[in-house]
Amino acid sequence: MIVRISTERQYRLPDEDAQRLNELDNQTVEAVDAGDEERYEQLFAEMLDLVRRDGRPLEDEELEESDVILPPPDTSMAEAAHEFTGDGLIPD
């Protein structure tokens, strides 16, 4: 799975991490829907950490279409309300 973190870069995330990223995405949608800013910040940070830790950064010359595009790391919950909706960033 290719994941782009907006304003950063793309990462090749191992297949075994795709399910965990989807779970975090779904939980983030729930936190946004509930208006739980603290939980949103925690979960979104976990998503970014998972991608950065387990993903392999793509080289600048590697052109791959992103399967998932995460918002910039400084995205507020109010801004996230427009992106983390329904099925989230990763549809089931």
PDB file of N, CA and C in Angstrom:
ATOM      1  N   MET A   1       0.851  -1.165   0.000  1.00  0.00           N
ATOM      2  CA  MET A   1       0.000   0.000   0.000  1.00  0.00           C
ATOM      3  C   MET A   1       0.901   1.233   0.000  1.00  0.00           C
ATOM      4  N   ILE A   2       0.576   2.184  -0.874  1.00  0.00           N
ATOM      5  CA  ILE A   2       1.324   3.436  -0.933  1.00  0.00           C
ATOM      6  C   ILE A   2       0.523   4.492  -0.178  1.00  0.00           C
ATOM      7  N   VAL A   3       1.157   5.101   0.817  1.00  0.00           N
ATOM      8  CA  VAL A   3       0.513   6.114   1.642  1.00  0.00           C
ATOM      9  C   VAL A   3       1.292   7.418   1.512  1.00  0.00           C
ATOM     10  N   ARG A   4       0.580   8.480   1.197  1.00  0.00           N
ATOM     11  CA  ARG A   4       1.191   9.810   1.173  1.00  0.00           C
ATOM     12  C   ARG A   4       0.750  10.560   2.419  1.00  0.00           C
ATOM     13  N   ILE A   5       1.720  11.165   3.088  1.00  0.00           N
ATOM     14  CA  ILE A   5       1.415  12.118   4.142  1.00  0.00           C
ATOM     15  C   ILE A   5       1.547  13.483   3.483  1.00  0.00           C
ATOM     16  N   SER A   6       0.436  14.186   3.371  1.00  0.00           N
ATOM     17  CA  SER A   6       0.440  15.484   2.704  1.00  0.00           C
ATOM     18  C   SER A   6       1.488  16.393   3.338  1.00  0.00           C
ATOM     19  N   THR A   7       2.150  17.144   2.505  1.00  0.00           N
ATOM     20  CA  THR A   7       3.248  18.061   2.847  1.00  0.00           C
ATOM     21  C   THR A   7       4.539  17.328   3.185  1.00  0.00           C
ATOM     22  N   GLU A   8       4.529  15.990   3.127  1.00  0.00           N
ATOM     23  CA  GLU A   8       5.741  15.226   3.410  1.00  0.00           C
ATOM     24  C   GLU A   8       6.134  14.417   2.181  1.00  0.00           C
ATOM     25  N   ARG A   9       5.870  13.127   2.234  1.00  0.00           N
ATOM     26  CA  ARG A   9       6.286  12.240   1.152  1.00  0.00           C
ATOM     27  C   ARG A   9       5.413  11.005   1.100  1.00  0.00           C
ATOM     28  N   GLN A  10       5.775  10.086   0.210  1.00  0.00           N
ATOM     29  CA  GLN A  10       5.061   8.820   0.085  1.00  0.00           C
ATOM     30  C   GLN A  10       5.860   7.719   0.770  1.00  0.00           C
ATOM     31  N   TYR A  11       5.119   6.731   1.266  1.00  0.00           N
ATOM     32  CA  TYR A  11       5.721   5.574   1.926  1.00  0.00           C
ATOM     33  C   TYR A  11       5.070   4.308   1.381  1.00  0.00           C
ATOM     34  N   ARG A  12       5.865   3.263   1.260  1.00  0.00           N
ATOM     35  CA  ARG A  12       5.338   1.938   0.929  1.00  0.00           C
ATOM     36  C   ARG A  12       5.122   1.222   2.255  1.00  0.00           C
ATOM     37  N   LEU A  13       3.856   1.043   2.619  1.00  0.00           N
ATOM     38  CA  LEU A  13       3.508   0.429   3.889  1.00  0.00           C
ATOM     39  C   LEU A  13       3.321  -1.072   3.682  1.00  0.00           C
ATOM     40  N   PRO A  14       3.934  -1.894   4.536  1.00  0.00           N
ATOM     41  CA  PRO A  14       3.761  -3.341   4.398  1.00  0.00           C
ATOM     42  C   PRO A  14       2.289  -3.736   4.486  1.00  0.00           C
ATOM     43  N   ASP A  15       1.916  -4.750   3.741  1.00  0.00           N
ATOM     44  CA  ASP A  15       0.526  -5.218   3.714  1.00  0.00           C
ATOM     45  C   ASP A  15      -0.011  -5.523   5.105  1.00  0.00           C
ATOM     46  N   GLU A  16       0.836  -6.059   5.969  1.00  0.00           N
ATOM     47  CA  GLU A  16       0.365  -6.426   7.305  1.00  0.00           C
ATOM     48  C   GLU A  16      -0.008  -5.201   8.149  1.00  0.00           C
ATOM     49  N   ASP A  17       0.414  -4.014   7.752  1.00  0.00           N
ATOM     50  CA  ASP A  17       0.064  -2.799   8.480  1.00  0.00           C
ATOM     51  C   ASP A  17      -1.193  -2.125   7.931  1.00  0.00           C
ATOM     52  N   ALA A  18      -1.651  -2.543   6.772  1.00  0.00           N
ATOM     53  CA  ALA A  18      -2.816  -1.905   6.149  1.00  0.00           C
ATOM     54  C   ALA A  18      -4.055  -2.038   7.024  1.00  0.00           C
ATOM     55  N   GLN A  19      -4.270  -3.184   7.623  1.00  0.00           N
ATOM     56  CA  GLN A  19      -5.440  -3.394   8.477  1.00  0.00           C
ATOM     57  C   GLN A  19      -5.367  -2.506   9.716  1.00  0.00           C
ATOM     58  N   ARG A  20      -4.195  -2.396  10.315  1.00  0.00           N
ATOM     59  CA  ARG A  20      -4.034  -1.547  11.505  1.00  0.00           C
ATOM     60  C   ARG A  20      -4.299  -0.083  11.142  1.00  0.00           C
ATOM     61  N   LEU A  21      -3.801   0.362   9.985  1.00  0.00           N
ATOM     62  CA  LEU A  21      -4.043   1.730   9.548  1.00  0.00           C
ATOM     63  C   LEU A  21      -5.538   1.964   9.342  1.00  0.00           C
ATOM     64  N   ASN A  22      -6.227   0.993   8.769  1.00  0.00           N
ATOM     65  CA  ASN A  22      -7.670   1.099   8.565  1.00  0.00           C
ATOM     66  C   ASN A  22      -8.407   1.174   9.908  1.00  0.00           C
ATOM     67  N   GLU A  23      -7.989   0.378  10.882  1.00  0.00           N
ATOM     68  CA  GLU A  23      -8.610   0.418  12.205  1.00  0.00           C
ATOM     69  C   GLU A  23      -8.428   1.792  12.847  1.00  0.00           C
ATOM     70  N   LEU A  24      -7.220   2.335  12.748  1.00  0.00           N
ATOM     71  CA  LEU A  24      -6.960   3.664  13.299  1.00  0.00           C
ATOM     72  C   LEU A  24      -7.794   4.719  12.580  1.00  0.00           C
ATOM     73  N   ASP A  25      -7.933   4.574  11.270  1.00  0.00           N
ATOM     74  CA  ASP A  25      -8.744   5.491  10.478  1.00  0.00           C
ATOM     75  C   ASP A  25     -10.194   5.474  10.969  1.00  0.00           C
ATOM     76  N   ASN A  26     -10.747   4.289  11.141  1.00  0.00           N
ATOM     77  CA  ASN A  26     -12.136   4.163  11.613  1.00  0.00           C
ATOM     78  C   ASN A  26     -12.309   4.756  13.007  1.00  0.00           C
ATOM     79  N   GLN A  27     -11.354   4.523  13.884  1.00  0.00           N
ATOM     80  CA  GLN A  27     -11.422   5.079  15.234  1.00  0.00           C
ATOM     81  C   GLN A  27     -11.302   6.602  15.200  1.00  0.00           C
ATOM     82  N   THR A  28     -10.510   7.118  14.269  1.00  0.00           N
ATOM     83  CA  THR A  28     -10.353   8.568  14.130  1.00  0.00           C
ATOM     84  C   THR A  28     -11.661   9.194  13.679  1.00  0.00           C
ATOM     85  N   VAL A  29     -12.362   8.545  12.743  1.00  0.00           N
ATOM     86  CA  VAL A  29     -13.680   9.024  12.314  1.00  0.00           C
ATOM     87  C   VAL A  29     -14.619   9.095  13.521  1.00  0.00           C
ATOM     88  N   GLU A  30     -14.616   8.062  14.346  1.00  0.00           N
ATOM     89  CA  GLU A  30     -15.478   8.034  15.528  1.00  0.00           C
ATOM     90  C   GLU A  30     -15.134   9.179  16.479  1.00  0.00           C
ATOM     91  N   ALA A  31     -13.842   9.431  16.678  1.00  0.00           N
ATOM     92  CA  ALA A  31     -13.429  10.517  17.572  1.00  0.00           C
ATOM     93  C   ALA A  31     -13.872  11.868  17.036  1.00  0.00           C
ATOM     94  N   VAL A  32     -13.726  12.074  15.731  1.00  0.00           N
ATOM     95  CA  VAL A  32     -14.157  13.329  15.109  1.00  0.00           C
ATOM     96  C   VAL A  32     -15.671  13.476  15.246  1.00  0.00           C
ATOM     97  N   ASP A  33     -16.406  12.407  14.941  1.00  0.00           N
ATOM     98  CA  ASP A  33     -17.870  12.445  15.047  1.00  0.00           C
ATOM     99  C   ASP A  33     -18.330  12.763  16.473  1.00  0.00           C
ATOM    100  N   ALA A  34     -17.571  12.274  17.459  1.00  0.00           N
ATOM    101  CA  ALA A  34     -17.920  12.492  18.865  1.00  0.00           C
ATOM    102  C   ALA A  34     -17.427  13.847  19.381  1.00  0.00           C
ATOM    103  N   GLY A  35     -16.630  14.545  18.578  1.00  0.00           N
ATOM    104  CA  GLY A  35     -16.085  15.824  19.018  1.00  0.00           C
ATOM    105  C   GLY A  35     -14.997  15.676  20.063  1.00  0.00           C
ATOM    106  N   ASP A  36     -14.346  14.502  20.105  1.00  0.00           N
ATOM    107  CA  ASP A  36     -13.313  14.205  21.102  1.00  0.00           C
ATOM    108  C   ASP A  36     -11.944  14.593  20.538  1.00  0.00           C
ATOM    109  N   GLU A  37     -11.566  15.829  20.760  1.00  0.00           N
ATOM    110  CA  GLU A  37     -10.332  16.356  20.173  1.00  0.00           C
ATOM    111  C   GLU A  37      -9.083  15.652  20.690  1.00  0.00           C
ATOM    112  N   GLU A  38      -9.042  15.352  21.976  1.00  0.00           N
ATOM    113  CA  GLU A  38      -7.883  14.673  22.552  1.00  0.00           C
ATOM    114  C   GLU A  38      -7.687  13.297  21.911  1.00  0.00           C
ATOM    115  N   ARG A  39      -8.780  12.563  21.773  1.00  0.00           N
ATOM    116  CA  ARG A  39      -8.711  11.224  21.151  1.00  0.00           C
ATOM    117  C   ARG A  39      -8.330  11.333  19.682  1.00  0.00           C
ATOM    118  N   TYR A  40      -8.905  12.333  18.981  1.00  0.00           N
ATOM    119  CA  TYR A  40      -8.537  12.559  17.578  1.00  0.00           C
ATOM    120  C   TYR A  40      -7.032  12.773  17.451  1.00  0.00           C
ATOM    121  N   GLU A  41      -6.480  13.662  18.262  1.00  0.00           N
ATOM    122  CA  GLU A  41      -5.054  13.970  18.172  1.00  0.00           C
ATOM    123  C   GLU A  41      -4.200  12.734  18.431  1.00  0.00           C
ATOM    124  N   GLN A  42      -4.600  11.929  19.413  1.00  0.00           N
ATOM    125  CA  GLN A  42      -3.866  10.708  19.741  1.00  0.00           C
ATOM    126  C   GLN A  42      -3.908   9.719  18.568  1.00  0.00           C
ATOM    127  N   LEU A  43      -5.085   9.482  18.025  1.00  0.00           N
ATOM    128  CA  LEU A  43      -5.243   8.501  16.948  1.00  0.00           C
ATOM    129  C   LEU A  43      -4.570   8.954  15.660  1.00  0.00           C
ATOM    130  N   PHE A  44      -4.711  10.230  15.324  1.00  0.00           N
ATOM    131  CA  PHE A  44      -4.081  10.734  14.104  1.00  0.00           C
ATOM    132  C   PHE A  44      -2.559  10.640  14.227  1.00  0.00           C
ATOM    133  N   ALA A  45      -2.032  10.949  15.412  1.00  0.00           N
ATOM    134  CA  ALA A  45      -0.587  10.808  15.639  1.00  0.00           C
ATOM    135  C   ALA A  45      -0.159   9.346  15.483  1.00  0.00           C
ATOM    136  N   GLU A  46      -0.988   8.407  15.958  1.00  0.00           N
ATOM    137  CA  GLU A  46      -0.679   6.980  15.806  1.00  0.00           C
ATOM    138  C   GLU A  46      -0.643   6.584  14.331  1.00  0.00           C
ATOM    139  N   MET A  47      -1.582   7.117  13.544  1.00  0.00           N
ATOM    140  CA  MET A  47      -1.599   6.825  12.105  1.00  0.00           C
ATOM    141  C   MET A  47      -0.301   7.300  11.453  1.00  0.00           C
ATOM    142  N   LEU A  48       0.073   8.532  11.741  1.00  0.00           N
ATOM    143  CA  LEU A  48       1.298   9.091  11.158  1.00  0.00           C
ATOM    144  C   LEU A  48       2.525   8.304  11.611  1.00  0.00           C
ATOM    145  N   ASP A  49       2.571   7.963  12.900  1.00  0.00           N
ATOM    146  CA  ASP A  49       3.700   7.198  13.432  1.00  0.00           C
ATOM    147  C   ASP A  49       3.811   5.828  12.779  1.00  0.00           C
ATOM    148  N   LEU A  50       2.681   5.157  12.585  1.00  0.00           N
ATOM    149  CA  LEU A  50       2.677   3.843  11.949  1.00  0.00           C
ATOM    150  C   LEU A  50       3.285   3.927  10.550  1.00  0.00           C
ATOM    151  N   VAL A  51       2.846   4.906   9.782  1.00  0.00           N
ATOM    152  CA  VAL A  51       3.339   5.048   8.409  1.00  0.00           C
ATOM    153  C   VAL A  51       4.818   5.392   8.404  1.00  0.00           C
ATOM    154  N   ARG A  52       5.218   6.334   9.230  1.00  0.00           N
ATOM    155  CA  ARG A  52       6.632   6.747   9.263  1.00  0.00           C
ATOM    156  C   ARG A  52       7.545   5.640   9.785  1.00  0.00           C
ATOM    157  N   ARG A  53       7.066   4.882  10.779  1.00  0.00           N
ATOM    158  CA  ARG A  53       7.886   3.849  11.414  1.00  0.00           C
ATOM    159  C   ARG A  53       8.018   2.599  10.539  1.00  0.00           C
ATOM    160  N   ASP A  54       6.877   2.124  10.029  1.00  0.00           N
ATOM    161  CA  ASP A  54       6.879   0.858   9.306  1.00  0.00           C
ATOM    162  C   ASP A  54       6.980   1.009   7.792  1.00  0.00           C
ATOM    163  N   GLY A  55       6.657   2.201   7.304  1.00  0.00           N
ATOM    164  CA  GLY A  55       6.703   2.428   5.863  1.00  0.00           C
ATOM    165  C   GLY A  55       8.115   2.706   5.372  1.00  0.00           C
ATOM    166  N   ARG A  56       8.358   2.355   4.114  1.00  0.00           N
ATOM    167  CA  ARG A  56       9.642   2.666   3.478  1.00  0.00           C
ATOM    168  C   ARG A  56       9.427   3.887   2.596  1.00  0.00           C
ATOM    169  N   PRO A  57      10.153   4.985   2.883  1.00  0.00           N
ATOM    170  CA  PRO A  57       9.990   6.183   2.050  1.00  0.00           C
ATOM    171  C   PRO A  57      10.321   5.886   0.591  1.00  0.00           C
ATOM    172  N   LEU A  58       9.472   6.348  -0.308  1.00  0.00           N
ATOM    173  CA  LEU A  58       9.750   6.207  -1.731  1.00  0.00           C
ATOM    174  C   LEU A  58      10.757   7.272  -2.141  1.00  0.00           C
ATOM    175  N   GLU A  59      11.612   6.907  -3.048  1.00  0.00           N
ATOM    176  CA  GLU A  59      12.584   7.861  -3.577  1.00  0.00           C
ATOM    177  C   GLU A  59      11.845   8.899  -4.411  1.00  0.00           C
ATOM    178  N   ASP A  60      12.411  10.080  -4.525  1.00  0.00           N
ATOM    179  CA  ASP A  60      11.771  11.154  -5.285  1.00  0.00           C
ATOM    180  C   ASP A  60      11.479  10.750  -6.724  1.00  0.00           C
ATOM    181  N   GLU A  61      12.334   9.918  -7.308  1.00  0.00           N
ATOM    182  CA  GLU A  61      12.137   9.520  -8.704  1.00  0.00           C
ATOM    183  C   GLU A  61      11.144   8.369  -8.871  1.00  0.00           C
ATOM    184  N   GLU A  62      10.692   7.775  -7.758  1.00  0.00           N
ATOM    185  CA  GLU A  62       9.676   6.722  -7.815  1.00  0.00           C
ATOM    186  C   GLU A  62       8.305   7.374  -7.928  1.00  0.00           C
ATOM    187  N   LEU A  63       7.642   7.165  -9.040  1.00  0.00           N
ATOM    188  CA  LEU A  63       6.311   7.733  -9.238  1.00  0.00           C
ATOM    189  C   LEU A  63       5.273   6.640  -9.062  1.00  0.00           C
ATOM    190  N   GLU A  64       4.547   6.714  -7.970  1.00  0.00           N
ATOM    191  CA  GLU A  64       3.516   5.730  -7.653  1.00  0.00           C
ATOM    192  C   GLU A  64       2.236   6.467  -7.281  1.00  0.00           C
ATOM    193  N   GLU A  65       1.112   5.923  -7.685  1.00  0.00           N
ATOM    194  CA  GLU A  65      -0.163   6.493  -7.264  1.00  0.00           C
ATOM    195  C   GLU A  65      -0.409   6.115  -5.808  1.00  0.00           C
ATOM    196  N   SER A  66      -0.822   7.072  -5.004  1.00  0.00           N
ATOM    197  CA  SER A  66      -1.085   6.812  -3.587  1.00  0.00           C
ATOM    198  C   SER A  66      -2.418   6.089  -3.423  1.00  0.00           C
ATOM    199  N   ASP A  67      -2.414   5.046  -2.590  1.00  0.00           N
ATOM    200  CA  ASP A  67      -3.650   4.353  -2.240  1.00  0.00           C
ATOM    201  C   ASP A  67      -4.419   5.140  -1.184  1.00  0.00           C
ATOM    202  N   VAL A  68      -3.669   5.824  -0.320  1.00  0.00           N
ATOM    203  CA  VAL A  68      -4.242   6.614   0.768  1.00  0.00           C
ATOM    204  C   VAL A  68      -3.441   7.903   0.883  1.00  0.00           C
ATOM    205  N   ILE A  69      -4.146   9.015   1.091  1.00  0.00           N
ATOM    206  CA  ILE A  69      -3.473  10.290   1.324  1.00  0.00           C
ATOM    207  C   ILE A  69      -3.926  10.791   2.689  1.00  0.00           C
ATOM    208  N   LEU A  70      -2.966  10.849   3.622  1.00  0.00           N
ATOM    209  CA  LEU A  70      -3.259  11.374   4.950  1.00  0.00           C
ATOM    210  C   LEU A  70      -3.107  12.888   4.936  1.00  0.00           C
ATOM    211  N   PRO A  71      -3.928  13.583   5.704  1.00  0.00           N
ATOM    212  CA  PRO A  71      -3.806  15.042   5.773  1.00  0.00           C
ATOM    213  C   PRO A  71      -2.457  15.446   6.385  1.00  0.00           C
ATOM    214  N   PRO A  72      -2.094  16.717   6.259  1.00  0.00           N
ATOM    215  CA  PRO A  72      -0.848  17.189   6.869  1.00  0.00           C
ATOM    216  C   PRO A  72      -0.843  16.926   8.381  1.00  0.00           C
ATOM    217  N   PRO A  73       0.334  16.719   8.953  1.00  0.00           N
ATOM    218  CA  PRO A  73       0.430  16.407  10.380  1.00  0.00           C
ATOM    219  C   PRO A  73      -0.180  17.459  11.305  1.00  0.00           C
ATOM    220  N   ASP A  74      -0.257  18.699  10.862  1.00  0.00           N
ATOM    221  CA  ASP A  74      -0.789  19.759  11.724  1.00  0.00           C
ATOM    222  C   ASP A  74      -2.291  19.996  11.533  1.00  0.00           C
ATOM    223  N   THR A  75      -2.980  19.012  10.959  1.00  0.00           N
ATOM    224  CA  THR A  75      -4.420  19.141  10.711  1.00  0.00           C
ATOM    225  C   THR A  75      -5.195  19.159  12.020  1.00  0.00           C
ATOM    226  N   SER A  76      -5.983  20.221  12.209  1.00  0.00           N
ATOM    227  CA  SER A  76      -6.804  20.331  13.420  1.00  0.00           C
ATOM    228  C   SER A  76      -8.019  19.410  13.294  1.00  0.00           C
ATOM    229  N   MET A  77      -8.697  19.188  14.412  1.00  0.00           N
ATOM    230  CA  MET A  77      -9.887  18.348  14.364  1.00  0.00           C
ATOM    231  C   MET A  77     -10.970  19.006  13.517  1.00  0.00           C
ATOM    232  N   ALA A  78     -11.083  20.319  13.595  1.00  0.00           N
ATOM    233  CA  ALA A  78     -12.077  21.022  12.775  1.00  0.00           C
ATOM    234  C   ALA A  78     -11.801  20.803  11.294  1.00  0.00           C
ATOM    235  N   GLU A  79     -10.539  20.865  10.900  1.00  0.00           N
ATOM    236  CA  GLU A  79     -10.180  20.601   9.502  1.00  0.00           C
ATOM    237  C   GLU A  79     -10.407  19.136   9.155  1.00  0.00           C
ATOM    238  N   ALA A  80     -10.102  18.258  10.098  1.00  0.00           N
ATOM    239  CA  ALA A  80     -10.236  16.813   9.872  1.00  0.00           C
ATOM    240  C   ALA A  80     -11.684  16.403   9.683  1.00  0.00           C
ATOM    241  N   ALA A  81     -12.601  17.191  10.204  1.00  0.00           N
ATOM    242  CA  ALA A  81     -14.019  16.856  10.094  1.00  0.00           C
ATOM    243  C   ALA A  81     -14.461  16.765   8.637  1.00  0.00           C
ATOM    244  N   HIS A  82     -13.730  17.401   7.744  1.00  0.00           N
ATOM    245  CA  HIS A  82     -14.055  17.355   6.313  1.00  0.00           C
ATOM    246  C   HIS A  82     -13.463  16.126   5.622  1.00  0.00           C
ATOM    247  N   GLU A  83     -12.460  15.500   6.261  1.00  0.00           N
ATOM    248  CA  GLU A  83     -11.786  14.364   5.636  1.00  0.00           C
ATOM    249  C   GLU A  83     -12.092  13.043   6.314  1.00  0.00           C
ATOM    250  N   PHE A  84     -12.160  13.036   7.635  1.00  0.00           N
ATOM    251  CA  PHE A  84     -12.438  11.816   8.383  1.00  0.00           C
ATOM    252  C   PHE A  84     -13.946  11.696   8.590  1.00  0.00           C
ATOM    253  N   THR A  85     -14.642  11.290   7.524  1.00  0.00           N
ATOM    254  CA  THR A  85     -16.097  11.154   7.572  1.00  0.00           C
ATOM    255  C   THR A  85     -16.494   9.802   7.004  1.00  0.00           C
ATOM    256  N   GLY A  86     -17.699   9.377   7.292  1.00  0.00           N
ATOM    257  CA  GLY A  86     -18.232   8.143   6.710  1.00  0.00           C
ATOM    258  C   GLY A  86     -17.307   6.968   6.897  1.00  0.00           C
ATOM    259  N   ASP A  87     -16.791   6.452   5.785  1.00  0.00           N
ATOM    260  CA  ASP A  87     -15.865   5.313   5.824  1.00  0.00           C
ATOM    261  C   ASP A  87     -14.449   5.742   6.134  1.00  0.00           C
ATOM    262  N   GLY A  88     -14.204   7.033   6.305  1.00  0.00           N
ATOM    263  CA  GLY A  88     -12.862   7.509   6.596  1.00  0.00           C
ATOM    264  C   GLY A  88     -12.035   7.642   5.330  1.00  0.00           C
ATOM    265  N   LEU A  89     -10.743   7.733   5.524  1.00  0.00           N
ATOM    266  CA  LEU A  89      -9.817   7.875   4.401  1.00  0.00           C
ATOM    267  C   LEU A  89      -9.616   6.568   3.662  1.00  0.00           C
ATOM    268  N   ILE A  90      -9.842   5.473   4.373  1.00  0.00           N
ATOM    269  CA  ILE A  90      -9.643   4.137   3.795  1.00  0.00           C
ATOM    270  C   ILE A  90     -10.990   3.425   3.805  1.00  0.00           C
ATOM    271  N   PRO A  91     -11.711   3.400   2.690  1.00  0.00           N
ATOM    272  CA  PRO A  91     -13.006   2.707   2.671  1.00  0.00           C
ATOM    273  C   PRO A  91     -12.833   1.216   2.945  1.00  0.00           C
ATOM    274  N   ASP A  92     -13.775   0.663   3.709  1.00  0.00           N
ATOM    275  CA  ASP A  92     -13.732  -0.787   4.028  1.00  0.00           C
ATOM    276  C   ASP A  92     -14.082  -1.606   2.814  1.00  0.00           C
TER     277      ASP A  92
END
